[in-house]
Every structure is written in C-alpha cells, then in structure tokens.
Amino acid sequence: VRDAGGSMVIHTFGGYYGLTISWILYRPKLDLSRRLSGSVYHSDVFAMIGTLFLWMFWPSFNSAISDHGDGQHRAAINTYLALASSVLTTFAISSLSAKKGKLDM
C-alpha cells in the first residue's frame, strides 16, 4: 500500500481510539434516551452542505499531495470511487436498519 500523504497510521489510530472510547463510555440504558432525542432541521442542512463541500474539494486535496502526472489522476479517480461506494453502502445500511426501509439522514 502506498500512502501519498502518510496519513494511514494516523487515521487507523483515530478509528481504533474512537471505537475504544465509545466502548468505554457505553451505558446499557442508552437506547432509552435515544427515542427522546432527534435531529434538528438546520443541523441536517449544515451536515449536507459540509458533505457537498467534501464531495467537491476532497479529490483535489488528495491529488495535490500525490506525484504529478498519473499519480494525481489516479488519486482523484480513486477518491471519487471511494466516495461513490461509501454513499451506496450508507444508503443500503440506512434502508436496511430503518423502520419500513426508509432512508434516514
């Protein structure tokens, strides 16, 4: 695996750190309070705007730190493929886990 930015170790550490902290802070009766809380409209809109900005600018960020030429094109294409596959996976998991098979933000 060739990591142009050298961030694979950092992101792996962050992922395992987040999983460990969530495992430590988990409370058994957490599902009871889940029904009482819901998202607010403006927070959903801001999350969607941030997602759209990432969709537009993340491939150029990834390709800027790669080697010039083929490396930059490959980085941009791989980033778009990763973004598209993550969206399809998120839609599938959201519809499978939600009641009545509806997509949920």
PDB file of N, CA and C in Angstrom:
ATOM      1  N   VAL A   1       0.851  -1.175   0.000  1.00  0.00           N
ATOM      2  CA  VAL A   1       0.000   0.000   0.000  1.00  0.00           C
ATOM      3  C   VAL A   1       0.893   1.233   0.000  1.00  0.00           C
ATOM      4  N   ARG A   2       0.590   2.150  -0.888  1.00  0.00           N
ATOM      5  CA  ARG A   2       1.364   3.386  -0.974  1.00  0.00           C
ATOM      6  C   ARG A   2       0.480   4.539  -0.513  1.00  0.00           C
ATOM      7  N   ASP A   3       0.865   5.189   0.550  1.00  0.00           N
ATOM      8  CA  ASP A   3       0.104   6.292   1.124  1.00  0.00           C
ATOM      9  C   ASP A   3       0.841   7.591   0.829  1.00  0.00           C
ATOM     10  N   ALA A   4       0.297   8.383  -0.103  1.00  0.00           N
ATOM     11  CA  ALA A   4       0.990   9.595  -0.548  1.00  0.00           C
ATOM     12  C   ALA A   4       1.123  10.623   0.569  1.00  0.00           C
ATOM     13  N   GLY A   5       0.107  10.768   1.388  1.00  0.00           N
ATOM     14  CA  GLY A   5       0.149  11.771   2.446  1.00  0.00           C
ATOM     15  C   GLY A   5       0.715  11.269   3.754  1.00  0.00           C
ATOM     16  N   GLY A   6       0.891   9.963   3.873  1.00  0.00           N
ATOM     17  CA  GLY A   6       1.413   9.409   5.116  1.00  0.00           C
ATOM     18  C   GLY A   6       0.414   9.440   6.254  1.00  0.00           C
ATOM     19  N   SER A   7      -0.869   9.394   5.940  1.00  0.00           N
ATOM     20  CA  SER A   7      -1.876   9.551   6.983  1.00  0.00           C
ATOM     21  C   SER A   7      -2.574   8.249   7.354  1.00  0.00           C
ATOM     22  N   MET A   8      -2.165   7.132   6.790  1.00  0.00           N
ATOM     23  CA  MET A   8      -2.843   5.876   7.079  1.00  0.00           C
ATOM     24  C   MET A   8      -2.709   5.492   8.552  1.00  0.00           C
ATOM     25  N   VAL A   9      -1.546   5.677   9.122  1.00  0.00           N
ATOM     26  CA  VAL A   9      -1.326   5.342  10.531  1.00  0.00           C
ATOM     27  C   VAL A   9      -2.157   6.254  11.428  1.00  0.00           C
ATOM     28  N   ILE A  10      -2.220   7.521  11.090  1.00  0.00           N
ATOM     29  CA  ILE A  10      -2.982   8.476  11.897  1.00  0.00           C
ATOM     30  C   ILE A  10      -4.467   8.140  11.872  1.00  0.00           C
ATOM     31  N   HIS A  11      -5.011   7.845  10.696  1.00  0.00           N
ATOM     32  CA  HIS A  11      -6.432   7.533  10.599  1.00  0.00           C
ATOM     33  C   HIS A  11      -6.763   6.181  11.238  1.00  0.00           C
ATOM     34  N   THR A  12      -5.866   5.215  11.135  1.00  0.00           N
ATOM     35  CA  THR A  12      -6.080   3.933  11.802  1.00  0.00           C
ATOM     36  C   THR A  12      -6.092   4.118  13.315  1.00  0.00           C
ATOM     37  N   PHE A  13      -5.150   4.888  13.833  1.00  0.00           N
ATOM     38  CA  PHE A  13      -5.122   5.172  15.267  1.00  0.00           C
ATOM     39  C   PHE A  13      -6.404   5.887  15.692  1.00  0.00           C
ATOM     40  N   GLY A  14      -6.831   6.891  14.925  1.00  0.00           N
ATOM     41  CA  GLY A  14      -8.045   7.625  15.266  1.00  0.00           C
ATOM     42  C   GLY A  14      -9.278   6.743  15.271  1.00  0.00           C
ATOM     43  N   GLY A  15      -9.362   5.835  14.317  1.00  0.00           N
ATOM     44  CA  GLY A  15     -10.505   4.923  14.264  1.00  0.00           C
ATOM     45  C   GLY A  15     -10.556   3.992  15.464  1.00  0.00           C
ATOM     46  N   TYR A  16      -9.424   3.376  15.781  1.00  0.00           N
ATOM     47  CA  TYR A  16      -9.389   2.479  16.940  1.00  0.00           C
ATOM     48  C   TYR A  16      -9.559   3.245  18.248  1.00  0.00           C
ATOM     49  N   TYR A  17      -9.039   4.448  18.314  1.00  0.00           N
ATOM     50  CA  TYR A  17      -9.210   5.273  19.512  1.00  0.00           C
ATOM     51  C   TYR A  17     -10.694   5.596  19.721  1.00  0.00           C
ATOM     52  N   GLY A  18     -11.373   5.990  18.647  1.00  0.00           N
ATOM     53  CA  GLY A  18     -12.794   6.299  18.751  1.00  0.00           C
ATOM     54  C   GLY A  18     -13.624   5.087  19.144  1.00  0.00           C
ATOM     55  N   LEU A  19     -13.313   3.925  18.574  1.00  0.00           N
ATOM     56  CA  LEU A  19     -14.030   2.707  18.950  1.00  0.00           C
ATOM     57  C   LEU A  19     -13.794   2.342  20.413  1.00  0.00           C
ATOM     58  N   THR A  20     -12.573   2.506  20.882  1.00  0.00           N
ATOM     59  CA  THR A  20     -12.257   2.188  22.274  1.00  0.00           C
ATOM     60  C   THR A  20     -12.973   3.126  23.234  1.00  0.00           C
ATOM     61  N   ILE A  21     -12.964   4.413  22.935  1.00  0.00           N
ATOM     62  CA  ILE A  21     -13.643   5.382  23.809  1.00  0.00           C
ATOM     63  C   ILE A  21     -15.148   5.138  23.820  1.00  0.00           C
ATOM     64  N   SER A  22     -15.738   4.838  22.660  1.00  0.00           N
ATOM     65  CA  SER A  22     -17.176   4.571  22.637  1.00  0.00           C
ATOM     66  C   SER A  22     -17.503   3.286  23.391  1.00  0.00           C
ATOM     67  N   TRP A  23     -16.612   2.294  23.360  1.00  0.00           N
ATOM     68  CA  TRP A  23     -16.830   1.071  24.117  1.00  0.00           C
ATOM     69  C   TRP A  23     -16.736   1.342  25.616  1.00  0.00           C
ATOM     70  N   ILE A  24     -15.804   2.207  26.024  1.00  0.00           N
ATOM     71  CA  ILE A  24     -15.635   2.532  27.441  1.00  0.00           C
ATOM     72  C   ILE A  24     -16.813   3.356  27.961  1.00  0.00           C
ATOM     73  N   LEU A  25     -17.296   4.297  27.166  1.00  0.00           N
ATOM     74  CA  LEU A  25     -18.354   5.200  27.621  1.00  0.00           C
ATOM     75  C   LEU A  25     -19.764   4.659  27.401  1.00  0.00           C
ATOM     76  N   TYR A  26     -19.901   3.480  26.838  1.00  0.00           N
ATOM     77  CA  TYR A  26     -21.228   2.927  26.568  1.00  0.00           C
ATOM     78  C   TYR A  26     -21.966   2.642  27.868  1.00  0.00           C
ATOM     79  N   ARG A  27     -23.243   3.010  27.875  1.00  0.00           N
ATOM     80  CA  ARG A  27     -24.112   2.727  29.012  1.00  0.00           C
ATOM     81  C   ARG A  27     -25.225   1.796  28.536  1.00  0.00           C
ATOM     82  N   PRO A  28     -25.589   0.786  29.331  1.00  0.00           N
ATOM     83  CA  PRO A  28     -26.587  -0.192  28.885  1.00  0.00           C
ATOM     84  C   PRO A  28     -27.958   0.407  28.579  1.00  0.00           C
ATOM     85  N   LYS A  29     -28.373   1.436  29.310  1.00  0.00           N
ATOM     86  CA  LYS A  29     -29.704   2.008  29.099  1.00  0.00           C
ATOM     87  C   LYS A  29     -29.677   3.195  28.141  1.00  0.00           C
ATOM     88  N   LEU A  30     -28.692   3.243  27.289  1.00  0.00           N
ATOM     89  CA  LEU A  30     -28.546   4.352  26.352  1.00  0.00           C
ATOM     90  C   LEU A  30     -29.658   4.363  25.301  1.00  0.00           C
ATOM     91  N   ASP A  31     -30.201   3.205  24.971  1.00  0.00           N
ATOM     92  CA  ASP A  31     -31.259   3.132  23.966  1.00  0.00           C
ATOM     93  C   ASP A  31     -32.544   3.813  24.424  1.00  0.00           C
ATOM     94  N   LEU A  32     -32.778   3.889  25.730  1.00  0.00           N
ATOM     95  CA  LEU A  32     -33.983   4.544  26.226  1.00  0.00           C
ATOM     96  C   LEU A  32     -33.961   6.042  25.942  1.00  0.00           C
ATOM     97  N   SER A  33     -32.818   6.681  26.069  1.00  0.00           N
ATOM     98  CA  SER A  33     -32.735   8.116  25.810  1.00  0.00           C
ATOM     99  C   SER A  33     -32.660   8.425  24.321  1.00  0.00           C
ATOM    100  N   ARG A  34     -32.422   7.426  23.513  1.00  0.00           N
ATOM    101  CA  ARG A  34     -32.320   7.637  22.065  1.00  0.00           C
ATOM    102  C   ARG A  34     -33.652   8.078  21.464  1.00  0.00           C
ATOM    103  N   ARG A  35     -34.744   7.554  22.002  1.00  0.00           N
ATOM    104  CA  ARG A  35     -36.063   7.913  21.477  1.00  0.00           C
ATOM    105  C   ARG A  35     -36.419   9.367  21.762  1.00  0.00           C
ATOM    106  N   LEU A  36     -35.856   9.926  22.824  1.00  0.00           N
ATOM    107  CA  LEU A  36     -36.188  11.292  23.207  1.00  0.00           C
ATOM    108  C   LEU A  36     -35.438  12.334  22.390  1.00  0.00           C
ATOM    109  N   SER A  37     -34.319  11.974  21.826  1.00  0.00           N
ATOM    110  CA  SER A  37     -33.521  12.946  21.084  1.00  0.00           C
ATOM    111  C   SER A  37     -33.687  12.734  19.585  1.00  0.00           C
ATOM    112  N   GLY A  38     -33.706  13.832  18.872  1.00  0.00           N
ATOM    113  CA  GLY A  38     -33.801  13.778  17.422  1.00  0.00           C
ATOM    114  C   GLY A  38     -32.999  14.906  16.829  1.00  0.00           C
ATOM    115  N   SER A  39     -32.817  14.845  15.539  1.00  0.00           N
ATOM    116  CA  SER A  39     -32.027  15.891  14.898  1.00  0.00           C
ATOM    117  C   SER A  39     -32.895  17.108  14.599  1.00  0.00           C
ATOM    118  N   VAL A  40     -32.254  18.240  14.508  1.00  0.00           N
ATOM    119  CA  VAL A  40     -32.912  19.498  14.193  1.00  0.00           C
ATOM    120  C   VAL A  40     -32.693  19.775  12.711  1.00  0.00           C
ATOM    121  N   TYR A  41     -33.637  20.466  12.087  1.00  0.00           N
ATOM    122  CA  TYR A  41     -33.579  20.685  10.645  1.00  0.00           C
ATOM    123  C   TYR A  41     -32.299  21.383  10.214  1.00  0.00           C
ATOM    124  N   HIS A  42     -31.905  22.448  10.916  1.00  0.00           N
ATOM    125  CA  HIS A  42     -30.731  23.195  10.467  1.00  0.00           C
ATOM    126  C   HIS A  42     -29.439  22.403  10.646  1.00  0.00           C
ATOM    127  N   SER A  43     -29.382  21.503  11.616  1.00  0.00           N
ATOM    128  CA  SER A  43     -28.172  20.683  11.742  1.00  0.00           C
ATOM    129  C   SER A  43     -28.071  19.686  10.592  1.00  0.00           C
ATOM    130  N   ASP A  44     -29.205  19.178  10.118  1.00  0.00           N
ATOM    131  CA  ASP A  44     -29.193  18.301   8.946  1.00  0.00           C
ATOM    132  C   ASP A  44     -28.760  19.055   7.698  1.00  0.00           C
ATOM    133  N   VAL A  45     -29.210  20.303   7.565  1.00  0.00           N
ATOM    134  CA  VAL A  45     -28.831  21.106   6.401  1.00  0.00           C
ATOM    135  C   VAL A  45     -27.334  21.400   6.416  1.00  0.00           C
ATOM    136  N   PHE A  46     -26.796  21.774   7.577  1.00  0.00           N
ATOM    137  CA  PHE A  46     -25.359  22.048   7.668  1.00  0.00           C
ATOM    138  C   PHE A  46     -24.530  20.789   7.405  1.00  0.00           C
ATOM    139  N   ALA A  47     -25.005  19.646   7.872  1.00  0.00           N
ATOM    140  CA  ALA A  47     -24.298  18.393   7.596  1.00  0.00           C
ATOM    141  C   ALA A  47     -24.303  18.093   6.102  1.00  0.00           C
ATOM    142  N   MET A  48     -25.415  18.366   5.439  1.00  0.00           N
ATOM    143  CA  MET A  48     -25.494  18.130   3.996  1.00  0.00           C
ATOM    144  C   MET A  48     -24.597  19.095   3.224  1.00  0.00           C
ATOM    145  N   ILE A  49     -24.536  20.350   3.645  1.00  0.00           N
ATOM    146  CA  ILE A  49     -23.659  21.329   2.984  1.00  0.00           C
ATOM    147  C   ILE A  49     -22.194  20.922   3.152  1.00  0.00           C
ATOM    148  N   GLY A  50     -21.817  20.495   4.346  1.00  0.00           N
ATOM    149  CA  GLY A  50     -20.450  20.033   4.573  1.00  0.00           C
ATOM    150  C   GLY A  50     -20.107  18.811   3.734  1.00  0.00           C
ATOM    151  N   THR A  51     -21.061  17.906   3.589  1.00  0.00           N
ATOM    152  CA  THR A  51     -20.845  16.727   2.753  1.00  0.00           C
ATOM    153  C   THR A  51     -20.650  17.111   1.300  1.00  0.00           C
ATOM    154  N   LEU A  52     -21.437  18.064   0.818  1.00  0.00           N
ATOM    155  CA  LEU A  52     -21.286  18.506  -0.573  1.00  0.00           C
ATOM    156  C   LEU A  52     -19.940  19.186  -0.802  1.00  0.00           C
ATOM    157  N   PHE A  53     -19.483  19.987   0.161  1.00  0.00           N
ATOM    158  CA  PHE A  53     -18.156  20.597   0.029  1.00  0.00           C
ATOM    159  C   PHE A  53     -17.062  19.534  -0.019  1.00  0.00           C
ATOM    160  N   LEU A  54     -17.181  18.504   0.813  1.00  0.00           N
ATOM    161  CA  LEU A  54     -16.194  17.429   0.769  1.00  0.00           C
ATOM    162  C   LEU A  54     -16.223  16.708  -0.573  1.00  0.00           C
ATOM    163  N   TRP A  55     -17.423  16.473  -1.108  1.00  0.00           N
ATOM    164  CA  TRP A  55     -17.540  15.824  -2.416  1.00  0.00           C
ATOM    165  C   TRP A  55     -16.859  16.652  -3.495  1.00  0.00           C
ATOM    166  N   MET A  56     -16.971  17.968  -3.409  1.00  0.00           N
ATOM    167  CA  MET A  56     -16.401  18.818  -4.460  1.00  0.00           C
ATOM    168  C   MET A  56     -14.889  18.964  -4.330  1.00  0.00           C
ATOM    169  N   PHE A  57     -14.369  19.105  -3.117  1.00  0.00           N
ATOM    170  CA  PHE A  57     -12.983  19.511  -2.949  1.00  0.00           C
ATOM    171  C   PHE A  57     -12.037  18.425  -2.447  1.00  0.00           C
ATOM    172  N   TRP A  58     -12.536  17.315  -1.935  1.00  0.00           N
ATOM    173  CA  TRP A  58     -11.647  16.291  -1.403  1.00  0.00           C
ATOM    174  C   TRP A  58     -10.782  15.627  -2.480  1.00  0.00           C
ATOM    175  N   PRO A  59     -11.321  15.325  -3.670  1.00  0.00           N
ATOM    176  CA  PRO A  59     -10.443  14.730  -4.697  1.00  0.00           C
ATOM    177  C   PRO A  59      -9.280  15.635  -5.089  1.00  0.00           C
ATOM    178  N   SER A  60      -9.492  16.941  -5.154  1.00  0.00           N
ATOM    179  CA  SER A  60      -8.383  17.832  -5.495  1.00  0.00           C
ATOM    180  C   SER A  60      -7.365  17.890  -4.360  1.00  0.00           C
ATOM    181  N   PHE A  61      -7.820  17.780  -3.124  1.00  0.00           N
ATOM    182  CA  PHE A  61      -6.897  17.746  -1.987  1.00  0.00           C
ATOM    183  C   PHE A  61      -6.037  16.489  -2.035  1.00  0.00           C
ATOM    184  N   ASN A  62      -6.670  15.352  -2.300  1.00  0.00           N
ATOM    185  CA  ASN A  62      -5.913  14.100  -2.374  1.00  0.00           C
ATOM    186  C   ASN A  62      -4.943  14.082  -3.542  1.00  0.00           C
ATOM    187  N   SER A  63      -5.357  14.625  -4.677  1.00  0.00           N
ATOM    188  CA  SER A  63      -4.472  14.579  -5.844  1.00  0.00           C
ATOM    189  C   SER A  63      -3.344  15.605  -5.744  1.00  0.00           C
ATOM    190  N   ALA A  64      -3.510  16.644  -4.951  1.00  0.00           N
ATOM    191  CA  ALA A  64      -2.460  17.663  -4.830  1.00  0.00           C
ATOM    192  C   ALA A  64      -1.222  17.128  -4.120  1.00  0.00           C
ATOM    193  N   ILE A  65      -1.395  16.190  -3.201  1.00  0.00           N
ATOM    194  CA  ILE A  65      -0.249  15.670  -2.460  1.00  0.00           C
ATOM    195  C   ILE A  65       0.352  14.434  -3.118  1.00  0.00           C
ATOM    196  N   SER A  66      -0.205  14.011  -4.255  1.00  0.00           N
ATOM    197  CA  SER A  66       0.328  12.853  -4.974  1.00  0.00           C
ATOM    198  C   SER A  66       1.381  13.291  -5.974  1.00  0.00           C
ATOM    199  N   ASP A  67       2.037  12.293  -6.563  1.00  0.00           N
ATOM    200  CA  ASP A  67       3.016  12.570  -7.608  1.00  0.00           C
ATOM    201  C   ASP A  67       2.324  13.185  -8.819  1.00  0.00           C
ATOM    202  N   HIS A  68       3.031  14.040  -9.518  1.00  0.00           N
ATOM    203  CA  HIS A  68       2.458  14.677 -10.705  1.00  0.00           C
ATOM    204  C   HIS A  68       2.259  13.644 -11.808  1.00  0.00           C
ATOM    205  N   GLY A  69       1.280  13.917 -12.663  1.00  0.00           N
ATOM    206  CA  GLY A  69       1.016  13.026 -13.787  1.00  0.00           C
ATOM    207  C   GLY A  69      -0.021  11.982 -13.442  1.00  0.00           C
ATOM    208  N   ASP A  70       0.338  10.722 -13.681  1.00  0.00           N
ATOM    209  CA  ASP A  70      -0.595   9.622 -13.451  1.00  0.00           C
ATOM    210  C   ASP A  70      -1.029   9.513 -11.990  1.00  0.00           C
ATOM    211  N   GLY A  71      -0.143   9.805 -11.076  1.00  0.00           N
ATOM    212  CA  GLY A  71      -0.473   9.697  -9.657  1.00  0.00           C
ATOM    213  C   GLY A  71      -1.601  10.621  -9.250  1.00  0.00           C
ATOM    214  N   GLN A  72      -1.614  11.818  -9.789  1.00  0.00           N
ATOM    215  CA  GLN A  72      -2.682  12.766  -9.459  1.00  0.00           C
ATOM    216  C   GLN A  72      -4.017  12.312 -10.034  1.00  0.00           C
ATOM    217  N   HIS A  73      -4.017  11.844 -11.269  1.00  0.00           N
ATOM    218  CA  HIS A  73      -5.267  11.374 -11.879  1.00  0.00           C
ATOM    219  C   HIS A  73      -5.795  10.141 -11.154  1.00  0.00           C
ATOM    220  N   ARG A  74      -4.902   9.237 -10.816  1.00  0.00           N
ATOM    221  CA  ARG A  74      -5.307   8.027 -10.110  1.00  0.00           C
ATOM    222  C   ARG A  74      -5.859   8.362  -8.724  1.00  0.00           C
ATOM    223  N   ALA A  75      -5.257   9.323  -8.048  1.00  0.00           N
ATOM    224  CA  ALA A  75      -5.739   9.715  -6.719  1.00  0.00           C
ATOM    225  C   ALA A  75      -7.134  10.320  -6.798  1.00  0.00           C
ATOM    226  N   ALA A  76      -7.378  11.171  -7.795  1.00  0.00           N
ATOM    227  CA  ALA A  76      -8.704  11.781  -7.940  1.00  0.00           C
ATOM    228  C   ALA A  76      -9.753  10.729  -8.287  1.00  0.00           C
ATOM    229  N   ILE A  77      -9.438   9.830  -9.204  1.00  0.00           N
ATOM    230  CA  ILE A  77     -10.399   8.790  -9.595  1.00  0.00           C
ATOM    231  C   ILE A  77     -10.677   7.845  -8.433  1.00  0.00           C
ATOM    232  N   ASN A  78      -9.635   7.428  -7.718  1.00  0.00           N
ATOM    233  CA  ASN A  78      -9.836   6.549  -6.562  1.00  0.00           C
ATOM    234  C   ASN A  78     -10.655   7.229  -5.474  1.00  0.00           C
ATOM    235  N   THR A  79     -10.464   8.531  -5.301  1.00  0.00           N
ATOM    236  CA  THR A  79     -11.244   9.251  -4.296  1.00  0.00           C
ATOM    237  C   THR A  79     -12.711   9.297  -4.681  1.00  0.00           C
ATOM    238  N   TYR A  80     -13.004   9.578  -5.954  1.00  0.00           N
ATOM    239  CA  TYR A  80     -14.399   9.576  -6.395  1.00  0.00           C
ATOM    240  C   TYR A  80     -15.023   8.188  -6.282  1.00  0.00           C
ATOM    241  N   LEU A  81     -14.273   7.146  -6.611  1.00  0.00           N
ATOM    242  CA  LEU A  81     -14.796   5.787  -6.468  1.00  0.00           C
ATOM    243  C   LEU A  81     -15.062   5.448  -5.001  1.00  0.00           C
ATOM    244  N   ALA A  82     -14.177   5.870  -4.115  1.00  0.00           N
ATOM    245  CA  ALA A  82     -14.382   5.630  -2.685  1.00  0.00           C
ATOM    246  C   ALA A  82     -15.592   6.398  -2.164  1.00  0.00           C
ATOM    247  N   LEU A  83     -15.750   7.640  -2.609  1.00  0.00           N
ATOM    248  CA  LEU A  83     -16.913   8.429  -2.197  1.00  0.00           C
ATOM    249  C   LEU A  83     -18.210   7.796  -2.688  1.00  0.00           C
ATOM    250  N   ALA A  84     -18.232   7.363  -3.952  1.00  0.00           N
ATOM    251  CA  ALA A  84     -19.444   6.760  -4.512  1.00  0.00           C
ATOM    252  C   ALA A  84     -19.784   5.447  -3.812  1.00  0.00           C
ATOM    253  N   SER A  85     -18.791   4.620  -3.545  1.00  0.00           N
ATOM    254  CA  SER A  85     -19.072   3.351  -2.871  1.00  0.00           C
ATOM    255  C   SER A  85     -19.508   3.569  -1.428  1.00  0.00           C
ATOM    256  N   SER A  86     -18.980   4.594  -0.768  1.00  0.00           N
ATOM    257  CA  SER A  86     -19.419   4.863   0.606  1.00  0.00           C
ATOM    258  C   SER A  86     -20.856   5.375   0.638  1.00  0.00           C
ATOM    259  N   VAL A  87     -21.251   6.146  -0.365  1.00  0.00           N
ATOM    260  CA  VAL A  87     -22.638   6.615  -0.433  1.00  0.00           C
ATOM    261  C   VAL A  87     -23.586   5.443  -0.656  1.00  0.00           C
ATOM    262  N   LEU A  88     -23.254   4.565  -1.587  1.00  0.00           N
ATOM    263  CA  LEU A  88     -24.112   3.408  -1.846  1.00  0.00           C
ATOM    264  C   LEU A  88     -24.203   2.495  -0.627  1.00  0.00           C
ATOM    265  N   THR A  89     -23.101   2.297   0.057  1.00  0.00           N
ATOM    266  CA  THR A  89     -23.107   1.472   1.264  1.00  0.00           C
ATOM    267  C   THR A  89     -23.932   2.122   2.369  1.00  0.00           C
ATOM    268  N   THR A  90     -23.805   3.432   2.520  1.00  0.00           N
ATOM    269  CA  THR A  90     -24.578   4.140   3.536  1.00  0.00           C
ATOM    270  C   THR A  90     -26.068   4.072   3.246  1.00  0.00           C
ATOM    271  N   PHE A  91     -26.457   4.256   1.997  1.00  0.00           N
ATOM    272  CA  PHE A  91     -27.870   4.145   1.632  1.00  0.00           C
ATOM    273  C   PHE A  91     -28.392   2.740   1.907  1.00  0.00           C
ATOM    274  N   ALA A  92     -27.617   1.727   1.567  1.00  0.00           N
ATOM    275  CA  ALA A  92     -28.056   0.349   1.780  1.00  0.00           C
ATOM    276  C   ALA A  92     -28.212   0.046   3.267  1.00  0.00           C
ATOM    277  N   ILE A  93     -27.234   0.425   4.067  1.00  0.00           N
ATOM    278  CA  ILE A  93     -27.307   0.154   5.506  1.00  0.00           C
ATOM    279  C   ILE A  93     -28.421   0.964   6.154  1.00  0.00           C
ATOM    280  N   SER A  94     -28.613   2.210   5.706  1.00  0.00           N
ATOM    281  CA  SER A  94     -29.673   3.045   6.266  1.00  0.00           C
ATOM    282  C   SER A  94     -31.049   2.463   5.968  1.00  0.00           C
ATOM    283  N   SER A  95     -31.256   1.987   4.755  1.00  0.00           N
ATOM    284  CA  SER A  95     -32.565   1.436   4.420  1.00  0.00           C
ATOM    285  C   SER A  95     -32.784   0.078   5.074  1.00  0.00           C
ATOM    286  N   LEU A  96     -31.728  -0.683   5.299  1.00  0.00           N
ATOM    287  CA  LEU A  96     -31.879  -1.975   5.961  1.00  0.00           C
ATOM    288  C   LEU A  96     -32.107  -1.833   7.464  1.00  0.00           C
ATOM    289  N   SER A  97     -31.529  -0.825   8.076  1.00  0.00           N
ATOM    290  CA  SER A  97     -31.643  -0.684   9.529  1.00  0.00           C
ATOM    291  C   SER A  97     -32.823   0.177   9.970  1.00  0.00           C
ATOM    292  N   ALA A  98     -33.414   0.942   9.068  1.00  0.00           N
ATOM    293  CA  ALA A  98     -34.522   1.823   9.440  1.00  0.00           C
ATOM    294  C   ALA A  98     -35.847   1.065   9.380  1.00  0.00           C
ATOM    295  N   LYS A  99     -36.795   1.592  10.105  1.00  0.00           N
ATOM    296  CA  LYS A  99     -38.130   1.012  10.061  1.00  0.00           C
ATOM    297  C   LYS A  99     -38.748   1.281   8.696  1.00  0.00           C
ATOM    298  N   LYS A 100     -39.452   0.328   8.175  1.00  0.00           N
ATOM    299  CA  LYS A 100     -40.143   0.407   6.890  1.00  0.00           C
ATOM    300  C   LYS A 100     -39.186   0.617   5.718  1.00  0.00           C
ATOM    301  N   GLY A 101     -37.894   0.414   5.900  1.00  0.00           N
ATOM    302  CA  GLY A 101     -36.930   0.502   4.818  1.00  0.00           C
ATOM    303  C   GLY A 101     -36.693   1.889   4.266  1.00  0.00           C
ATOM    304  N   LYS A 102     -37.016   2.920   5.049  1.00  0.00           N
ATOM    305  CA  LYS A 102     -36.829   4.293   4.576  1.00  0.00           C
ATOM    306  C   LYS A 102     -35.410   4.769   4.850  1.00  0.00           C
ATOM    307  N   LEU A 103     -34.936   5.675   4.000  1.00  0.00           N
ATOM    308  CA  LEU A 103     -33.634   6.290   4.226  1.00  0.00           C
ATOM    309  C   LEU A 103     -33.763   7.334   5.326  1.00  0.00           C
ATOM    310  N   ASP A 104     -32.759   7.410   6.176  1.00  0.00           N
ATOM    311  CA  ASP A 104     -32.788   8.352   7.285  1.00  0.00           C
ATOM    312  C   ASP A 104     -31.509   9.169   7.267  1.00  0.00           C
ATOM    313  N   MET A 105     -31.642  10.471   7.497  1.00  0.00           N
ATOM    314  CA  MET A 105     -30.472  11.353   7.441  1.00  0.00           C
ATOM    315  C   MET A 105     -29.623  11.144   8.656  1.00  0.00           C
TER     316      MET A 105
END
